[in-house]
């Protein structure tokens, strides 16, 4: 009887540890690599999200170099972030990113204000 109790207690402890581990996993946090399409063609892009306390920080690396996100907000699977970059011909540019976390995939888009008609570049 005592042996059965020890085995049962061990099984319950292992299950509790598994549940605690799943609860601590953050699907968004980490490094995401993909491409974006622009008028210059397809370009590589890397997005990094870090969770610090109750908030997220992050960066995006592409043709403009590494740029930190500002005003990063997470709501369920939806993520929004702003970033600013200097461009010699255009001056200071502001980008408003929208991301959606779909399973193990992060999809995103960024509206472009450089064209006469605003366009959206997908991030895959």
C-alpha atoms as a PDB file:
ATOM      1  CA  UNK A   1       0.000   0.000   0.000  1.00  0.00           C
ATOM      2  CA  UNK A   2       2.800   2.384   0.918  1.00  0.00           C
ATOM      3  CA  UNK A   3       4.580   1.569  -2.351  1.00  0.00           C
ATOM      4  CA  UNK A   4       1.425   2.338  -4.372  1.00  0.00           C
ATOM      5  CA  UNK A   5       1.123   5.691  -2.605  1.00  0.00           C
ATOM      6  CA  UNK A   6       4.740   6.617  -3.448  1.00  0.00           C
ATOM      7  CA  UNK A   7       4.251   5.672  -7.102  1.00  0.00           C
ATOM      8  CA  UNK A   8       0.993   7.670  -7.297  1.00  0.00           C
ATOM      9  CA  UNK A   9       2.588  10.691  -5.605  1.00  0.00           C
ATOM     10  CA  UNK A  10       5.527  10.556  -8.034  1.00  0.00           C
ATOM     11  CA  UNK A  11       3.197  10.433 -11.055  1.00  0.00           C
ATOM     12  CA  UNK A  12       1.199  13.409  -9.758  1.00  0.00           C
ATOM     13  CA  UNK A  13       4.389  15.398  -9.120  1.00  0.00           C
ATOM     14  CA  UNK A  14       5.654  14.752 -12.658  1.00  0.00           C
ATOM     15  CA  UNK A  15       2.297  15.829 -14.126  1.00  0.00           C
ATOM     16  CA  UNK A  16       2.276  19.018 -12.054  1.00  0.00           C
ATOM     17  CA  UNK A  17       5.785  19.868 -13.209  1.00  0.00           C
ATOM     18  CA  UNK A  18       4.754  19.300 -16.861  1.00  0.00           C
ATOM     19  CA  UNK A  19       1.740  21.600 -16.467  1.00  0.00           C
ATOM     20  CA  UNK A  20       3.887  24.268 -14.789  1.00  0.00           C
ATOM     21  CA  UNK A  21       6.407  24.027 -17.635  1.00  0.00           C
ATOM     22  CA  UNK A  22       3.696  24.449 -20.267  1.00  0.00           C
ATOM     23  CA  UNK A  23       2.260  27.439 -18.439  1.00  0.00           C
ATOM     24  CA  UNK A  24       5.677  29.160 -18.451  1.00  0.00           C
ATOM     25  CA  UNK A  25       6.382  28.669 -22.152  1.00  0.00           C
ATOM     26  CA  UNK A  26       5.943  31.839 -24.143  1.00  0.00           C
ATOM     27  CA  UNK A  27       5.258  31.187 -27.816  1.00  0.00           C
ATOM     28  CA  UNK A  28       6.080  34.744 -28.895  1.00  0.00           C
ATOM     29  CA  UNK A  29       9.417  35.142 -27.132  1.00  0.00           C
ATOM     30  CA  UNK A  30      12.462  34.361 -29.230  1.00  0.00           C
ATOM     31  CA  UNK A  31      14.005  34.903 -32.639  1.00  0.00           C
ATOM     32  CA  UNK A  32      11.855  34.867 -35.786  1.00  0.00           C
ATOM     33  CA  UNK A  33      13.439  34.864 -39.244  1.00  0.00           C
ATOM     34  CA  UNK A  34      11.746  35.371 -42.563  1.00  0.00           C
ATOM     35  CA  UNK A  35      11.488  37.625 -45.583  1.00  0.00           C
ATOM     36  CA  UNK A  36       9.641  40.723 -46.621  1.00  0.00           C
ATOM     37  CA  UNK A  37       8.741  41.806 -50.137  1.00  0.00           C
ATOM     38  CA  UNK A  38       9.384  45.346 -51.292  1.00  0.00           C
ATOM     39  CA  UNK A  39       9.941  47.212 -54.540  1.00  0.00           C
ATOM     40  CA  UNK A  40      13.613  46.163 -54.255  1.00  0.00           C
ATOM     41  CA  UNK A  41      12.588  42.500 -54.135  1.00  0.00           C
ATOM     42  CA  UNK A  42      12.562  39.953 -51.334  1.00  0.00           C
ATOM     43  CA  UNK A  43      14.680  40.857 -48.299  1.00  0.00           C
ATOM     44  CA  UNK A  44      15.628  38.888 -45.169  1.00  0.00           C
ATOM     45  CA  UNK A  45      14.210  40.114 -41.872  1.00  0.00           C
ATOM     46  CA  UNK A  46      14.755  39.015 -38.263  1.00  0.00           C
ATOM     47  CA  UNK A  47      12.401  39.868 -35.402  1.00  0.00           C
ATOM     48  CA  UNK A  48      13.319  39.249 -31.767  1.00  0.00           C
ATOM     49  CA  UNK A  49      10.847  39.429 -28.886  1.00  0.00           C
ATOM     50  CA  UNK A  50      11.828  39.289 -25.204  1.00  0.00           C
ATOM     51  CA  UNK A  51       9.507  39.240 -22.232  1.00  0.00           C
ATOM     52  CA  UNK A  52      10.699  41.332 -19.316  1.00  0.00           C
ATOM     53  CA  UNK A  53       8.403  41.203 -16.274  1.00  0.00           C
ATOM     54  CA  UNK A  54       4.904  41.892 -17.657  1.00  0.00           C
ATOM     55  CA  UNK A  55       5.987  43.658 -20.851  1.00  0.00           C
ATOM     56  CA  UNK A  56       7.687  42.774 -24.109  1.00  0.00           C
ATOM     57  CA  UNK A  57      10.629  44.401 -25.831  1.00  0.00           C
ATOM     58  CA  UNK A  58      11.938  43.647 -29.273  1.00  0.00           C
ATOM     59  CA  UNK A  59      13.893  44.553 -32.355  1.00  0.00           C
ATOM     60  CA  UNK A  60      13.582  44.115 -36.079  1.00  0.00           C
ATOM     61  CA  UNK A  61      16.621  43.709 -38.311  1.00  0.00           C
ATOM     62  CA  UNK A  62      16.400  44.298 -42.039  1.00  0.00           C
ATOM     63  CA  UNK A  63      17.837  46.544 -44.734  1.00  0.00           C
ATOM     64  CA  UNK A  64      17.800  49.541 -42.332  1.00  0.00           C
ATOM     65  CA  UNK A  65      19.852  47.667 -39.702  1.00  0.00           C
ATOM     66  CA  UNK A  66      18.571  46.735 -36.242  1.00  0.00           C
ATOM     67  CA  UNK A  67      15.760  48.947 -34.989  1.00  0.00           C
ATOM     68  CA  UNK A  68      14.137  48.693 -31.529  1.00  0.00           C
ATOM     69  CA  UNK A  69      10.370  48.442 -31.300  1.00  0.00           C
ATOM     70  CA  UNK A  70       8.488  51.153 -29.438  1.00  0.00           C
ATOM     71  CA  UNK A  71       5.034  50.832 -27.932  1.00  0.00           C
ATOM     72  CA  UNK A  72       4.952  47.037 -28.336  1.00  0.00           C
ATOM     73  CA  UNK A  73       1.541  45.573 -27.408  1.00  0.00           C
ATOM     74  CA  UNK A  74       0.467  41.935 -27.175  1.00  0.00           C
ATOM     75  CA  UNK A  75      -3.172  40.860 -27.044  1.00  0.00           C
ATOM     76  CA  UNK A  76      -3.703  37.124 -27.438  1.00  0.00           C
ATOM     77  CA  UNK A  77      -2.164  36.173 -30.797  1.00  0.00           C
ATOM     78  CA  UNK A  78      -2.100  39.789 -32.025  1.00  0.00           C
ATOM     79  CA  UNK A  79       1.046  41.920 -31.707  1.00  0.00           C
ATOM     80  CA  UNK A  80       1.483  45.557 -32.700  1.00  0.00           C
ATOM     81  CA  UNK A  81       4.675  47.605 -32.566  1.00  0.00           C
ATOM     82  CA  UNK A  82       6.084  50.862 -33.832  1.00  0.00           C
ATOM     83  CA  UNK A  83       9.619  51.560 -35.012  1.00  0.00           C
ATOM     84  CA  UNK A  84      11.454  54.560 -36.405  1.00  0.00           C
ATOM     85  CA  UNK A  85      14.401  54.641 -38.786  1.00  0.00           C
ATOM     86  CA  UNK A  86      16.435  57.353 -40.467  1.00  0.00           C
ATOM     87  CA  UNK A  87      16.559  57.325 -44.244  1.00  0.00           C
ATOM     88  CA  UNK A  88      18.889  59.855 -45.934  1.00  0.00           C
ATOM     89  CA  UNK A  89      16.544  60.662 -48.839  1.00  0.00           C
ATOM     90  CA  UNK A  90      13.290  60.596 -46.842  1.00  0.00           C
ATOM     91  CA  UNK A  91      14.339  61.666 -43.334  1.00  0.00           C
ATOM     92  CA  UNK A  92      12.823  59.985 -40.258  1.00  0.00           C
ATOM     93  CA  UNK A  93      10.418  57.162 -41.181  1.00  0.00           C
ATOM     94  CA  UNK A  94       7.841  55.644 -38.837  1.00  0.00           C
ATOM     95  CA  UNK A  95       6.592  52.069 -39.252  1.00  0.00           C
ATOM     96  CA  UNK A  96       3.532  50.487 -37.630  1.00  0.00           C
ATOM     97  CA  UNK A  97       3.932  46.703 -37.570  1.00  0.00           C
ATOM     98  CA  UNK A  98       1.125  44.195 -37.124  1.00  0.00           C
ATOM     99  CA  UNK A  99       1.947  40.569 -36.335  1.00  0.00           C
ATOM    100  CA  UNK A 100      -0.221  37.480 -35.846  1.00  0.00           C
ATOM    101  CA  UNK A 101       1.079  34.391 -34.082  1.00  0.00           C
ATOM    102  CA  UNK A 102      -0.412  31.335 -35.836  1.00  0.00           C
ATOM    103  CA  UNK A 103       0.779  28.171 -34.120  1.00  0.00           C
ATOM    104  CA  UNK A 104       4.548  28.086 -34.645  1.00  0.00           C
ATOM    105  CA  UNK A 105       4.433  30.791 -37.347  1.00  0.00           C
ATOM    106  CA  UNK A 106       4.644  34.567 -36.989  1.00  0.00           C
ATOM    107  CA  UNK A 107       3.067  36.494 -39.858  1.00  0.00           C
ATOM    108  CA  UNK A 108       3.177  40.243 -40.165  1.00  0.00           C
ATOM    109  CA  UNK A 109       2.748  43.300 -42.286  1.00  0.00           C
ATOM    110  CA  UNK A 110       3.944  46.865 -42.336  1.00  0.00           C
ATOM    111  CA  UNK A 111       2.235  49.683 -44.217  1.00  0.00           C
ATOM    112  CA  UNK A 112       4.596  51.705 -46.415  1.00  0.00           C
ATOM    113  CA  UNK A 113       4.225  55.468 -46.560  1.00  0.00           C
ATOM    114  CA  UNK A 114       7.038  55.983 -49.061  1.00  0.00           C
ATOM    115  CA  UNK A 115       4.805  55.407 -52.075  1.00  0.00           C
ATOM    116  CA  UNK A 116       2.198  57.866 -53.275  1.00  0.00           C
ATOM    117  CA  UNK A 117      -0.381  55.191 -52.490  1.00  0.00           C
ATOM    118  CA  UNK A 118       0.198  53.342 -49.174  1.00  0.00           C
ATOM    119  CA  UNK A 119       1.064  49.678 -49.644  1.00  0.00           C
ATOM    120  CA  UNK A 120       1.472  46.748 -47.285  1.00  0.00           C
ATOM    121  CA  UNK A 121       4.552  44.531 -47.236  1.00  0.00           C
ATOM    122  CA  UNK A 122       3.997  41.036 -45.823  1.00  0.00           C
ATOM    123  CA  UNK A 123       6.468  39.565 -43.353  1.00  0.00           C
ATOM    124  CA  UNK A 124       6.638  35.769 -43.597  1.00  0.00           C
END
